[in-house]
Amino acid sequence: MKQITDVSELKPGTQIIKFCGDRVTFWEYLCPHPRNREYVLLLESMSQDALKQYIPDLLGSEWYIDYTFEEIYEKQKEWHFRQVERLNDRIKDEQSKKTKENSCKADQEG
């Protein structure tokens, strides 16, 4: 799986994926925008909707080419592991807040 770093890597028909959290959308590169060099035209694989994509947002972000489904699943798995870690951190924060509240109450009662 390779991040898109240069629009010249894209040829008509190039298959592209975009990650948004754990969701993956599949796109096909159509062509450079005919009237604005800062955009390219993409076709969404499922709905066949066209997208005018701003090139700087396409480069070096969550857009990839030359992927396998195993790589997609691994990236989704990594995302879910990060979410679990984030939730565990939030649980610890809440537990430490409760501990502080309880110690303050004990100090006030004592």
C-alpha atoms as a PDB file:
ATOM      1  CA  MET A   1       0.000   0.000   0.000  1.00  0.00           C
ATOM      2  CA  LYS A   2       1.462   3.312  -1.026  1.00  0.00           C
ATOM      3  CA  GLN A   3       0.375   6.843  -0.145  1.00  0.00           C
ATOM      4  CA  ILE A   4      -0.131   9.108  -3.109  1.00  0.00           C
ATOM      5  CA  THR A   5       2.748  11.574  -3.177  1.00  0.00           C
ATOM      6  CA  ASP A   6       2.572  12.832  -6.741  1.00  0.00           C
ATOM      7  CA  VAL A   7      -0.362  13.129  -9.126  1.00  0.00           C
ATOM      8  CA  SER A   8       1.846  11.943 -11.968  1.00  0.00           C
ATOM      9  CA  GLU A   9       1.626   8.459 -10.354  1.00  0.00           C
ATOM     10  CA  LEU A  10      -2.043   8.359 -11.309  1.00  0.00           C
ATOM     11  CA  LYS A  11      -3.188   7.147 -14.698  1.00  0.00           C
ATOM     12  CA  PRO A  12      -6.797   6.863 -15.882  1.00  0.00           C
ATOM     13  CA  GLY A  13      -8.245   3.739 -14.282  1.00  0.00           C
ATOM     14  CA  THR A  14      -5.876   3.725 -11.283  1.00  0.00           C
ATOM     15  CA  GLN A  15      -7.660   2.233  -8.277  1.00  0.00           C
ATOM     16  CA  ILE A  16      -7.456   4.401  -5.153  1.00  0.00           C
ATOM     17  CA  ILE A  17      -8.673   3.896  -1.601  1.00  0.00           C
ATOM     18  CA  LYS A  18      -9.366   6.445   1.101  1.00  0.00           C
ATOM     19  CA  PHE A  19      -9.461   5.712   4.826  1.00  0.00           C
ATOM     20  CA  CYS A  20     -11.810   7.662   7.038  1.00  0.00           C
ATOM     21  CA  GLY A  21     -11.519   6.140  10.487  1.00  0.00           C
ATOM     22  CA  ASP A  22     -12.249   2.464   9.984  1.00  0.00           C
ATOM     23  CA  ARG A  23     -14.240   3.073   6.797  1.00  0.00           C
ATOM     24  CA  VAL A  24     -12.682   2.548   3.389  1.00  0.00           C
ATOM     25  CA  THR A  25     -13.997   3.989   0.150  1.00  0.00           C
ATOM     26  CA  PHE A  26     -12.834   2.828  -3.246  1.00  0.00           C
ATOM     27  CA  TRP A  27     -12.211   5.294  -6.059  1.00  0.00           C
ATOM     28  CA  GLU A  28     -11.012   5.281  -9.627  1.00  0.00           C
ATOM     29  CA  TYR A  29      -8.828   8.053 -10.998  1.00  0.00           C
ATOM     30  CA  LEU A  30     -10.390   9.536 -14.123  1.00  0.00           C
ATOM     31  CA  CYS A  31      -8.294  12.513 -15.207  1.00  0.00           C
ATOM     32  CA  PRO A  32      -6.969  15.925 -14.233  1.00  0.00           C
ATOM     33  CA  HIS A  33      -9.705  18.512 -13.979  1.00  0.00           C
ATOM     34  CA  PRO A  34     -10.078  20.010 -17.461  1.00  0.00           C
ATOM     35  CA  ARG A  35     -10.336  23.628 -16.244  1.00  0.00           C
ATOM     36  CA  ASN A  36      -8.467  23.756 -12.938  1.00  0.00           C
ATOM     37  CA  ARG A  37      -4.988  22.237 -12.493  1.00  0.00           C
ATOM     38  CA  GLU A  38      -5.406  22.126  -8.708  1.00  0.00           C
ATOM     39  CA  TYR A  39      -8.031  19.359  -8.947  1.00  0.00           C
ATOM     40  CA  VAL A  40      -8.448  15.837 -10.285  1.00  0.00           C
ATOM     41  CA  LEU A  41     -11.618  13.921 -11.054  1.00  0.00           C
ATOM     42  CA  LEU A  42     -12.334  10.637  -9.259  1.00  0.00           C
ATOM     43  CA  LEU A  43     -15.177   8.155  -9.564  1.00  0.00           C
ATOM     44  CA  GLU A  44     -16.547   6.460  -6.441  1.00  0.00           C
ATOM     45  CA  SER A  45     -16.705   2.727  -7.139  1.00  0.00           C
ATOM     46  CA  MET A  46     -19.989   1.834  -5.444  1.00  0.00           C
ATOM     47  CA  SER A  47     -22.225   4.767  -6.353  1.00  0.00           C
ATOM     48  CA  GLN A  48     -20.392   5.880  -9.504  1.00  0.00           C
ATOM     49  CA  ASP A  49     -20.527   9.460  -8.169  1.00  0.00           C
ATOM     50  CA  ALA A  50     -17.833  11.775  -9.475  1.00  0.00           C
ATOM     51  CA  LEU A  51     -15.669  13.808  -7.102  1.00  0.00           C
ATOM     52  CA  LYS A  52     -13.609  16.893  -7.822  1.00  0.00           C
ATOM     53  CA  GLN A  53     -10.680  16.359  -5.419  1.00  0.00           C
ATOM     54  CA  TYR A  54      -8.278  19.138  -4.424  1.00  0.00           C
ATOM     55  CA  ILE A  55      -4.771  17.791  -5.142  1.00  0.00           C
ATOM     56  CA  PRO A  56      -3.000  18.980  -1.931  1.00  0.00           C
ATOM     57  CA  ASP A  57      -5.656  17.119   0.115  1.00  0.00           C
ATOM     58  CA  LEU A  58      -5.006  13.984  -1.937  1.00  0.00           C
ATOM     59  CA  LEU A  59      -1.237  13.919  -1.463  1.00  0.00           C
ATOM     60  CA  GLY A  60       0.340  12.362   1.611  1.00  0.00           C
ATOM     61  CA  SER A  61      -2.934  11.904   3.464  1.00  0.00           C
ATOM     62  CA  GLU A  62      -5.291   8.935   3.775  1.00  0.00           C
ATOM     63  CA  TRP A  63      -5.410   8.214   0.039  1.00  0.00           C
ATOM     64  CA  TYR A  64      -3.543   5.087  -1.155  1.00  0.00           C
ATOM     65  CA  ILE A  65      -2.733   3.146  -4.314  1.00  0.00           C
ATOM     66  CA  ASP A  66      -1.120  -0.264  -4.918  1.00  0.00           C
ATOM     67  CA  TYR A  67      -2.951  -1.915  -2.019  1.00  0.00           C
ATOM     68  CA  THR A  68      -3.970  -5.452  -1.084  1.00  0.00           C
ATOM     69  CA  PHE A  69      -6.999  -6.369   0.974  1.00  0.00           C
ATOM     70  CA  GLU A  70      -4.718  -7.752   3.685  1.00  0.00           C
ATOM     71  CA  GLU A  71      -3.127  -4.295   4.010  1.00  0.00           C
ATOM     72  CA  ILE A  72      -6.556  -2.686   4.223  1.00  0.00           C
ATOM     73  CA  TYR A  73      -7.596  -5.081   6.997  1.00  0.00           C
ATOM     74  CA  GLU A  74      -4.330  -4.454   8.880  1.00  0.00           C
ATOM     75  CA  LYS A  75      -4.840  -0.685   8.706  1.00  0.00           C
ATOM     76  CA  GLN A  76      -8.414  -1.057   9.939  1.00  0.00           C
ATOM     77  CA  LYS A  77      -7.205  -3.304  12.770  1.00  0.00           C
ATOM     78  CA  GLU A  78      -4.581  -0.714  13.764  1.00  0.00           C
ATOM     79  CA  TRP A  79      -7.281   1.964  13.827  1.00  0.00           C
ATOM     80  CA  HIS A  80      -9.456  -0.163  16.132  1.00  0.00           C
ATOM     81  CA  PHE A  81      -6.508  -0.881  18.454  1.00  0.00           C
ATOM     82  CA  ARG A  82      -5.842   2.874  18.709  1.00  0.00           C
ATOM     83  CA  GLN A  83      -9.503   3.418  19.571  1.00  0.00           C
ATOM     84  CA  VAL A  84      -9.352   0.777  22.310  1.00  0.00           C
ATOM     85  CA  GLU A  85      -6.206   2.421  23.728  1.00  0.00           C
ATOM     86  CA  ARG A  86      -7.900   5.821  23.635  1.00  0.00           C
ATOM     87  CA  LEU A  87     -10.957   4.445  25.447  1.00  0.00           C
ATOM     88  CA  ASN A  88      -8.767   2.738  28.058  1.00  0.00           C
ATOM     89  CA  ASP A  89      -7.043   6.085  28.677  1.00  0.00           C
ATOM     90  CA  ARG A  90     -10.419   7.768  29.110  1.00  0.00           C
ATOM     91  CA  ILE A  91     -11.507   5.079  31.577  1.00  0.00           C
ATOM     92  CA  LYS A  92      -8.301   5.605  33.600  1.00  0.00           C
ATOM     93  CA  ASP A  93      -8.879   9.373  33.585  1.00  0.00           C
ATOM     94  CA  GLU A  94     -12.429   8.925  34.862  1.00  0.00           C
ATOM     95  CA  GLN A  95     -11.270   6.512  37.558  1.00  0.00           C
ATOM     96  CA  SER A  96      -8.568   8.936  38.712  1.00  0.00           C
ATOM     97  CA  LYS A  97     -11.159  11.752  38.858  1.00  0.00           C
ATOM     98  CA  LYS A  98     -13.399   9.600  41.039  1.00  0.00           C
ATOM     99  CA  THR A  99     -10.463   8.729  43.295  1.00  0.00           C
ATOM    100  CA  LYS A 100      -9.644  12.437  43.711  1.00  0.00           C
ATOM    101  CA  GLU A 101     -13.299  13.279  44.398  1.00  0.00           C
ATOM    102  CA  ASN A 102     -13.535  10.543  47.015  1.00  0.00           C
ATOM    103  CA  SER A 103     -10.333  11.683  48.736  1.00  0.00           C
ATOM    104  CA  CYS A 104     -11.615  15.287  48.788  1.00  0.00           C
ATOM    105  CA  LYS A 105     -14.917  14.157  50.318  1.00  0.00           C
ATOM    106  CA  ALA A 106     -13.053  12.155  52.951  1.00  0.00           C
ATOM    107  CA  ASP A 107     -10.903  15.212  53.793  1.00  0.00           C
ATOM    108  CA  GLN A 108     -14.001  17.406  54.123  1.00  0.00           C
ATOM    109  CA  GLU A 109     -15.795  14.907  56.359  1.00  0.00           C
ATOM    110  CA  GLY A 110     -12.754  14.303  58.528  1.00  0.00           C
END
